[in-house]
Amino acid sequence: MSGSLETFVVVAQVLASVGMFGVIWTIQVVHYPLMKQIPESAFKAYEAEHTARITFIVGPLMAVEGLCVLALLAWPPDGIAWWLPWVGAIAEAVAIGTTAFISAPLHGRLGAHRDPVLLDRLVATNWIRTAAWTARAIVAVAIFQSL
């Protein structure tokens, strides 16, 4: 990868990963716990709006992250530790896997009706994504600093 393209990919990764870091911590500490306050009568509509609106924010960030992960695995920049892109890829896989196989199905079930047990499970399992995107942000910044 050429120097300017390499820099573009690394900066894009930092922006997307740090963006997801901010989003996931806001979701974990503020948004998901507050979902317990939504009354049963309004919950179905609220969950549908939440899903639509959050997808508009996280979809592009996750897509950029995924492309950057693949680019850095295929063409790691000179001067960075060989393992950094791999740690980033593993963290990304954990975040995306947890989203696809745990969080999204829970949201699907919550879309049918408010369930306090499912809400508790959503908050508890979201710590996996929170840790993974925190690791992603740390790795992205470490790669940037190594350039």
N, C-alpha and C. Protein backbone atom coordinates (compact mmCIF):
# COMPACT_ATOMS: atom_id res chain seq x y z
N MET A 1 0.86 -1.16 0.00
CA MET A 1 0.00 0.00 0.00
C MET A 1 0.91 1.23 0.00
N SER A 2 0.55 2.23 -0.78
CA SER A 2 1.37 3.44 -0.83
C SER A 2 1.22 4.24 0.46
N GLY A 3 2.17 5.15 0.69
CA GLY A 3 2.19 5.93 1.94
C GLY A 3 0.92 6.70 2.20
N SER A 4 0.38 7.40 1.19
CA SER A 4 -0.82 8.21 1.43
C SER A 4 -2.06 7.33 1.61
N LEU A 5 -2.14 6.22 0.87
CA LEU A 5 -3.26 5.31 1.05
C LEU A 5 -3.19 4.64 2.41
N GLU A 6 -1.99 4.26 2.80
CA GLU A 6 -1.76 3.66 4.11
C GLU A 6 -2.21 4.61 5.22
N THR A 7 -1.82 5.87 5.11
CA THR A 7 -2.21 6.87 6.10
C THR A 7 -3.73 7.05 6.12
N PHE A 8 -4.34 7.08 4.94
CA PHE A 8 -5.80 7.22 4.85
C PHE A 8 -6.49 6.07 5.58
N VAL A 9 -6.05 4.83 5.33
CA VAL A 9 -6.66 3.65 5.96
C VAL A 9 -6.50 3.71 7.48
N VAL A 10 -5.31 4.07 7.93
CA VAL A 10 -5.06 4.12 9.38
C VAL A 10 -5.90 5.22 10.03
N VAL A 11 -5.99 6.38 9.41
CA VAL A 11 -6.80 7.47 9.97
C VAL A 11 -8.28 7.10 9.94
N ALA A 12 -8.73 6.48 8.86
CA ALA A 12 -10.13 6.04 8.77
C ALA A 12 -10.43 5.04 9.88
N GLN A 13 -9.49 4.13 10.12
CA GLN A 13 -9.67 3.14 11.19
C GLN A 13 -9.77 3.83 12.55
N VAL A 14 -8.92 4.80 12.81
CA VAL A 14 -8.97 5.51 14.09
C VAL A 14 -10.32 6.20 14.25
N LEU A 15 -10.76 6.90 13.22
CA LEU A 15 -12.04 7.62 13.31
C LEU A 15 -13.21 6.66 13.55
N ALA A 16 -13.24 5.55 12.80
CA ALA A 16 -14.34 4.60 12.95
C ALA A 16 -14.27 3.89 14.30
N SER A 17 -13.08 3.47 14.70
CA SER A 17 -12.95 2.71 15.95
C SER A 17 -13.20 3.59 17.17
N VAL A 18 -12.67 4.79 17.16
CA VAL A 18 -12.91 5.69 18.29
C VAL A 18 -14.38 6.12 18.28
N GLY A 19 -14.97 6.27 17.10
CA GLY A 19 -16.40 6.56 17.01
C GLY A 19 -17.23 5.45 17.64
N MET A 20 -16.91 4.20 17.31
CA MET A 20 -17.63 3.07 17.89
C MET A 20 -17.38 2.97 19.40
N PHE A 21 -16.18 3.28 19.82
CA PHE A 21 -15.85 3.32 21.25
C PHE A 21 -16.81 4.27 21.97
N GLY A 22 -16.98 5.46 21.44
CA GLY A 22 -17.89 6.43 22.07
C GLY A 22 -19.33 5.98 22.03
N VAL A 23 -19.75 5.44 20.90
CA VAL A 23 -21.13 4.98 20.78
C VAL A 23 -21.42 3.84 21.74
N ILE A 24 -20.53 2.84 21.79
CA ILE A 24 -20.83 1.66 22.59
C ILE A 24 -20.82 1.97 24.08
N TRP A 25 -19.93 2.86 24.52
CA TRP A 25 -19.94 3.24 25.93
C TRP A 25 -21.20 4.04 26.28
N THR A 26 -21.67 4.88 25.36
CA THR A 26 -22.92 5.62 25.60
C THR A 26 -24.09 4.65 25.67
N ILE A 27 -24.12 3.70 24.75
CA ILE A 27 -25.17 2.69 24.76
C ILE A 27 -25.14 1.89 26.07
N GLN A 28 -23.93 1.46 26.46
CA GLN A 28 -23.79 0.59 27.63
C GLN A 28 -24.16 1.29 28.94
N VAL A 29 -23.69 2.51 29.10
CA VAL A 29 -23.84 3.19 30.39
C VAL A 29 -25.13 4.02 30.48
N VAL A 30 -25.61 4.51 29.35
CA VAL A 30 -26.76 5.41 29.36
C VAL A 30 -28.00 4.76 28.72
N HIS A 31 -27.85 4.43 27.45
CA HIS A 31 -29.01 4.08 26.64
C HIS A 31 -29.69 2.77 27.04
N TYR A 32 -28.94 1.67 27.08
CA TYR A 32 -29.56 0.39 27.42
C TYR A 32 -30.17 0.39 28.83
N PRO A 33 -29.47 0.89 29.84
CA PRO A 33 -30.12 0.91 31.17
C PRO A 33 -31.41 1.74 31.20
N LEU A 34 -31.45 2.83 30.42
CA LEU A 34 -32.65 3.66 30.40
C LEU A 34 -33.82 2.99 29.68
N MET A 35 -33.53 1.98 28.87
CA MET A 35 -34.62 1.27 28.19
C MET A 35 -35.58 0.63 29.19
N LYS A 36 -35.08 0.36 30.38
CA LYS A 36 -35.93 -0.23 31.42
C LYS A 36 -37.02 0.75 31.88
N GLN A 37 -36.83 2.03 31.60
CA GLN A 37 -37.78 3.05 32.02
C GLN A 37 -38.92 3.25 31.01
N ILE A 38 -38.79 2.67 29.84
CA ILE A 38 -39.82 2.84 28.81
C ILE A 38 -41.02 1.98 29.18
N PRO A 39 -42.21 2.58 29.25
CA PRO A 39 -43.39 1.79 29.62
C PRO A 39 -43.74 0.74 28.56
N GLU A 40 -44.38 -0.31 29.01
CA GLU A 40 -44.78 -1.41 28.13
C GLU A 40 -45.54 -0.91 26.90
N SER A 41 -46.44 0.05 27.10
CA SER A 41 -47.29 0.53 26.00
C SER A 41 -46.49 1.23 24.91
N ALA A 42 -45.33 1.78 25.23
CA ALA A 42 -44.53 2.51 24.24
C ALA A 42 -43.30 1.74 23.79
N PHE A 43 -43.04 0.59 24.40
CA PHE A 43 -41.77 -0.08 24.19
C PHE A 43 -41.57 -0.59 22.76
N LYS A 44 -42.58 -1.18 22.18
CA LYS A 44 -42.45 -1.75 20.83
C LYS A 44 -42.06 -0.66 19.83
N ALA A 45 -42.71 0.47 19.88
CA ALA A 45 -42.39 1.59 18.97
C ALA A 45 -41.00 2.14 19.29
N TYR A 46 -40.69 2.23 20.57
CA TYR A 46 -39.37 2.72 20.97
C TYR A 46 -38.27 1.82 20.44
N GLU A 47 -38.41 0.52 20.59
CA GLU A 47 -37.41 -0.44 20.14
C GLU A 47 -37.22 -0.35 18.62
N ALA A 48 -38.31 -0.21 17.89
CA ALA A 48 -38.22 -0.08 16.42
C ALA A 48 -37.45 1.19 16.05
N GLU A 49 -37.73 2.29 16.71
CA GLU A 49 -37.01 3.54 16.44
C GLU A 49 -35.54 3.44 16.84
N HIS A 50 -35.29 2.82 17.98
CA HIS A 50 -33.91 2.64 18.42
C HIS A 50 -33.11 1.89 17.36
N THR A 51 -33.66 0.78 16.90
CA THR A 51 -32.96 -0.05 15.91
C THR A 51 -32.70 0.73 14.63
N ALA A 52 -33.67 1.44 14.14
CA ALA A 52 -33.50 2.21 12.91
C ALA A 52 -32.47 3.33 13.08
N ARG A 53 -32.57 4.06 14.17
CA ARG A 53 -31.68 5.21 14.36
C ARG A 53 -30.24 4.79 14.66
N ILE A 54 -30.05 3.77 15.47
CA ILE A 54 -28.69 3.37 15.83
C ILE A 54 -28.00 2.74 14.63
N THR A 55 -28.74 2.05 13.79
CA THR A 55 -28.16 1.45 12.59
C THR A 55 -27.62 2.53 11.66
N PHE A 56 -28.30 3.65 11.59
CA PHE A 56 -27.86 4.78 10.76
C PHE A 56 -26.50 5.31 11.23
N ILE A 57 -26.23 5.20 12.53
CA ILE A 57 -24.95 5.67 13.08
C ILE A 57 -23.89 4.58 13.01
N VAL A 58 -24.20 3.38 13.51
CA VAL A 58 -23.16 2.36 13.62
C VAL A 58 -22.89 1.62 12.33
N GLY A 59 -23.83 1.55 11.44
CA GLY A 59 -23.63 0.83 10.17
C GLY A 59 -22.42 1.32 9.39
N PRO A 60 -22.36 2.62 9.10
CA PRO A 60 -21.18 3.13 8.38
C PRO A 60 -19.88 2.97 9.16
N LEU A 61 -19.91 3.20 10.47
CA LEU A 61 -18.70 3.05 11.28
C LEU A 61 -18.20 1.61 11.25
N MET A 62 -19.11 0.66 11.39
CA MET A 62 -18.73 -0.75 11.38
C MET A 62 -18.21 -1.17 9.99
N ALA A 63 -18.81 -0.63 8.94
CA ALA A 63 -18.35 -0.96 7.59
C ALA A 63 -16.93 -0.44 7.36
N VAL A 64 -16.67 0.80 7.76
CA VAL A 64 -15.32 1.36 7.62
C VAL A 64 -14.33 0.55 8.43
N GLU A 65 -14.70 0.23 9.66
CA GLU A 65 -13.81 -0.58 10.49
C GLU A 65 -13.48 -1.91 9.83
N GLY A 66 -14.49 -2.58 9.33
CA GLY A 66 -14.28 -3.88 8.69
C GLY A 66 -13.35 -3.79 7.49
N LEU A 67 -13.55 -2.78 6.65
CA LEU A 67 -12.68 -2.60 5.48
C LEU A 67 -11.24 -2.30 5.90
N CYS A 68 -11.11 -1.46 6.92
CA CYS A 68 -9.77 -1.13 7.41
C CYS A 68 -9.07 -2.34 8.01
N VAL A 69 -9.80 -3.16 8.74
CA VAL A 69 -9.22 -4.38 9.31
C VAL A 69 -8.67 -5.25 8.19
N LEU A 70 -9.46 -5.46 7.15
CA LEU A 70 -9.02 -6.30 6.03
C LEU A 70 -7.81 -5.71 5.33
N ALA A 71 -7.84 -4.39 5.11
CA ALA A 71 -6.71 -3.73 4.43
C ALA A 71 -5.43 -3.84 5.24
N LEU A 72 -5.53 -3.66 6.55
CA LEU A 72 -4.33 -3.71 7.38
C LEU A 72 -3.80 -5.13 7.58
N LEU A 73 -4.69 -6.11 7.50
CA LEU A 73 -4.21 -7.49 7.52
C LEU A 73 -3.49 -7.83 6.22
N ALA A 74 -4.03 -7.37 5.11
CA ALA A 74 -3.44 -7.67 3.81
C ALA A 74 -2.16 -6.88 3.55
N TRP A 75 -2.15 -5.62 3.97
CA TRP A 75 -1.01 -4.74 3.71
C TRP A 75 -0.64 -3.98 4.99
N PRO A 76 -0.05 -4.67 5.96
CA PRO A 76 0.30 -3.97 7.20
C PRO A 76 1.34 -2.88 6.95
N PRO A 77 1.15 -1.73 7.56
CA PRO A 77 2.12 -0.64 7.38
C PRO A 77 3.49 -1.02 7.94
N ASP A 78 4.52 -0.53 7.30
CA ASP A 78 5.88 -0.71 7.82
C ASP A 78 5.98 -0.02 9.18
N GLY A 79 6.72 -0.64 10.07
CA GLY A 79 7.00 -0.01 11.35
C GLY A 79 6.03 -0.34 12.46
N ILE A 80 4.97 -1.10 12.17
CA ILE A 80 4.07 -1.47 13.26
C ILE A 80 4.34 -2.93 13.64
N ALA A 81 4.05 -3.25 14.87
CA ALA A 81 4.20 -4.63 15.33
C ALA A 81 3.28 -5.53 14.51
N TRP A 82 3.77 -6.67 14.08
CA TRP A 82 3.01 -7.56 13.20
C TRP A 82 1.68 -7.98 13.81
N TRP A 83 1.63 -8.04 15.13
CA TRP A 83 0.46 -8.57 15.80
C TRP A 83 -0.66 -7.56 15.99
N LEU A 84 -0.36 -6.27 15.87
CA LEU A 84 -1.40 -5.25 16.09
C LEU A 84 -2.61 -5.42 15.16
N PRO A 85 -2.41 -5.56 13.84
CA PRO A 85 -3.60 -5.76 13.00
C PRO A 85 -4.39 -7.02 13.35
N TRP A 86 -3.68 -8.06 13.81
CA TRP A 86 -4.36 -9.30 14.19
C TRP A 86 -5.17 -9.13 15.46
N VAL A 87 -4.64 -8.43 16.43
CA VAL A 87 -5.41 -8.16 17.66
C VAL A 87 -6.64 -7.32 17.31
N GLY A 88 -6.44 -6.33 16.45
CA GLY A 88 -7.58 -5.52 16.00
C GLY A 88 -8.62 -6.35 15.28
N ALA A 89 -8.18 -7.29 14.45
CA ALA A 89 -9.11 -8.15 13.71
C ALA A 89 -9.89 -9.06 14.66
N ILE A 90 -9.21 -9.58 15.67
CA ILE A 90 -9.89 -10.45 16.64
C ILE A 90 -10.93 -9.64 17.43
N ALA A 91 -10.55 -8.44 17.86
CA ALA A 91 -11.50 -7.59 18.58
C ALA A 91 -12.70 -7.26 17.70
N GLU A 92 -12.44 -6.97 16.42
CA GLU A 92 -13.54 -6.68 15.48
C GLU A 92 -14.45 -7.90 15.32
N ALA A 93 -13.84 -9.07 15.20
CA ALA A 93 -14.64 -10.29 15.05
C ALA A 93 -15.51 -10.54 16.28
N VAL A 94 -14.96 -10.29 17.46
CA VAL A 94 -15.74 -10.45 18.69
C VAL A 94 -16.90 -9.45 18.71
N ALA A 95 -16.63 -8.20 18.37
CA ALA A 95 -17.68 -7.17 18.36
C ALA A 95 -18.78 -7.49 17.36
N ILE A 96 -18.38 -7.84 16.14
CA ILE A 96 -19.37 -8.14 15.10
C ILE A 96 -20.10 -9.44 15.41
N GLY A 97 -19.37 -10.44 15.87
CA GLY A 97 -20.01 -11.71 16.22
C GLY A 97 -21.02 -11.55 17.33
N THR A 98 -20.66 -10.80 18.35
CA THR A 98 -21.59 -10.57 19.47
C THR A 98 -22.81 -9.79 18.99
N THR A 99 -22.57 -8.82 18.12
CA THR A 99 -23.70 -8.06 17.56
C THR A 99 -24.64 -8.98 16.80
N ALA A 100 -24.07 -9.79 15.91
CA ALA A 100 -24.89 -10.63 15.03
C ALA A 100 -25.58 -11.77 15.77
N PHE A 101 -24.88 -12.38 16.71
CA PHE A 101 -25.41 -13.61 17.32
C PHE A 101 -26.03 -13.42 18.70
N ILE A 102 -25.81 -12.26 19.31
CA ILE A 102 -26.40 -12.04 20.64
C ILE A 102 -27.27 -10.78 20.65
N SER A 103 -26.67 -9.62 20.36
CA SER A 103 -27.40 -8.35 20.51
C SER A 103 -28.56 -8.21 19.53
N ALA A 104 -28.31 -8.46 18.25
CA ALA A 104 -29.38 -8.32 17.26
C ALA A 104 -30.55 -9.27 17.55
N PRO A 105 -30.29 -10.55 17.85
CA PRO A 105 -31.42 -11.41 18.20
C PRO A 105 -32.19 -10.94 19.45
N LEU A 106 -31.46 -10.42 20.43
CA LEU A 106 -32.15 -9.89 21.62
C LEU A 106 -33.02 -8.70 21.24
N HIS A 107 -32.49 -7.81 20.41
CA HIS A 107 -33.31 -6.68 19.95
C HIS A 107 -34.53 -7.17 19.17
N GLY A 108 -34.34 -8.22 18.36
CA GLY A 108 -35.47 -8.78 17.64
C GLY A 108 -36.56 -9.28 18.57
N ARG A 109 -36.16 -9.97 19.61
CA ARG A 109 -37.13 -10.46 20.60
C ARG A 109 -37.77 -9.32 21.38
N LEU A 110 -36.96 -8.31 21.69
CA LEU A 110 -37.51 -7.15 22.41
C LEU A 110 -38.46 -6.34 21.54
N GLY A 111 -38.29 -6.43 20.22
CA GLY A 111 -39.19 -5.74 19.31
C GLY A 111 -40.62 -6.24 19.38
N ALA A 112 -40.78 -7.47 19.84
CA ALA A 112 -42.12 -8.04 19.97
C ALA A 112 -42.81 -7.57 21.25
N HIS A 113 -42.03 -7.46 22.33
CA HIS A 113 -42.60 -6.99 23.60
C HIS A 113 -41.48 -6.69 24.60
N ARG A 114 -41.79 -5.83 25.54
CA ARG A 114 -40.84 -5.48 26.61
C ARG A 114 -40.69 -6.66 27.55
N ASP A 115 -39.45 -7.04 27.81
CA ASP A 115 -39.17 -8.16 28.70
C ASP A 115 -37.98 -7.78 29.58
N PRO A 116 -38.20 -7.57 30.88
CA PRO A 116 -37.12 -7.15 31.77
C PRO A 116 -35.94 -8.14 31.81
N VAL A 117 -36.20 -9.43 31.68
CA VAL A 117 -35.13 -10.41 31.68
C VAL A 117 -34.26 -10.24 30.43
N LEU A 118 -34.90 -10.04 29.28
CA LEU A 118 -34.14 -9.81 28.04
C LEU A 118 -33.37 -8.50 28.09
N LEU A 119 -33.95 -7.47 28.69
CA LEU A 119 -33.24 -6.20 28.84
C LEU A 119 -32.00 -6.37 29.71
N ASP A 120 -32.13 -7.12 30.80
CA ASP A 120 -30.97 -7.39 31.65
C ASP A 120 -29.90 -8.16 30.88
N ARG A 121 -30.33 -9.14 30.07
CA ARG A 121 -29.38 -9.92 29.28
C ARG A 121 -28.70 -9.02 28.24
N LEU A 122 -29.45 -8.10 27.64
CA LEU A 122 -28.87 -7.18 26.67
C LEU A 122 -27.78 -6.32 27.31
N VAL A 123 -28.06 -5.78 28.48
CA VAL A 123 -27.07 -4.96 29.18
C VAL A 123 -25.85 -5.80 29.56
N ALA A 124 -26.08 -6.99 30.09
CA ALA A 124 -24.97 -7.83 30.55
C ALA A 124 -24.09 -8.28 29.38
N THR A 125 -24.69 -8.74 28.30
CA THR A 125 -23.91 -9.24 27.17
C THR A 125 -23.29 -8.12 26.35
N ASN A 126 -23.82 -6.92 26.48
CA ASN A 126 -23.23 -5.79 25.74
C ASN A 126 -21.85 -5.42 26.27
N TRP A 127 -21.52 -5.88 27.49
CA TRP A 127 -20.16 -5.64 27.99
C TRP A 127 -19.12 -6.31 27.10
N ILE A 128 -19.50 -7.39 26.43
CA ILE A 128 -18.57 -8.04 25.50
C ILE A 128 -18.24 -7.08 24.36
N ARG A 129 -19.26 -6.47 23.79
CA ARG A 129 -19.04 -5.51 22.69
C ARG A 129 -18.30 -4.27 23.19
N THR A 130 -18.64 -3.85 24.39
CA THR A 130 -17.97 -2.67 24.96
C THR A 130 -16.47 -2.94 25.11
N ALA A 131 -16.12 -4.09 25.61
CA ALA A 131 -14.70 -4.45 25.75
C ALA A 131 -14.03 -4.58 24.38
N ALA A 132 -14.72 -5.20 23.44
CA ALA A 132 -14.13 -5.40 22.10
C ALA A 132 -13.90 -4.07 21.39
N TRP A 133 -14.87 -3.15 21.44
CA TRP A 133 -14.67 -1.87 20.76
C TRP A 133 -13.70 -0.97 21.52
N THR A 134 -13.57 -1.17 22.81
CA THR A 134 -12.53 -0.46 23.55
C THR A 134 -11.16 -0.95 23.07
N ALA A 135 -11.01 -2.25 22.94
CA ALA A 135 -9.75 -2.81 22.42
C ALA A 135 -9.48 -2.31 21.00
N ARG A 136 -10.51 -2.27 20.16
CA ARG A 136 -10.36 -1.79 18.79
C ARG A 136 -9.81 -0.35 18.79
N ALA A 137 -10.36 0.50 19.62
CA ALA A 137 -9.92 1.89 19.66
C ALA A 137 -8.46 1.97 20.11
N ILE A 138 -8.10 1.20 21.11
CA ILE A 138 -6.71 1.19 21.59
C ILE A 138 -5.77 0.73 20.49
N VAL A 139 -6.12 -0.34 19.81
CA VAL A 139 -5.28 -0.86 18.72
C VAL A 139 -5.19 0.16 17.58
N ALA A 140 -6.30 0.76 17.22
CA ALA A 140 -6.28 1.74 16.12
C ALA A 140 -5.35 2.91 16.45
N VAL A 141 -5.43 3.40 17.67
CA VAL A 141 -4.55 4.51 18.08
C VAL A 141 -3.11 4.04 18.12
N ALA A 142 -2.87 2.83 18.60
CA ALA A 142 -1.49 2.30 18.64
C ALA A 142 -0.90 2.19 17.24
N ILE A 143 -1.70 1.73 16.29
CA ILE A 143 -1.21 1.64 14.90
C ILE A 143 -0.91 3.04 14.37
N PHE A 144 -1.81 3.97 14.64
CA PHE A 144 -1.61 5.36 14.18
C PHE A 144 -0.32 5.94 14.77
N GLN A 145 -0.10 5.70 16.04
CA GLN A 145 1.09 6.23 16.69
C GLN A 145 2.37 5.58 16.18
N SER A 146 2.26 4.39 15.61
CA SER A 146 3.43 3.68 15.09
C SER A 146 3.86 4.15 13.70
N LEU A 147 2.99 4.90 13.05
CA LEU A 147 3.34 5.37 11.69
C LEU A 147 4.48 6.36 11.71
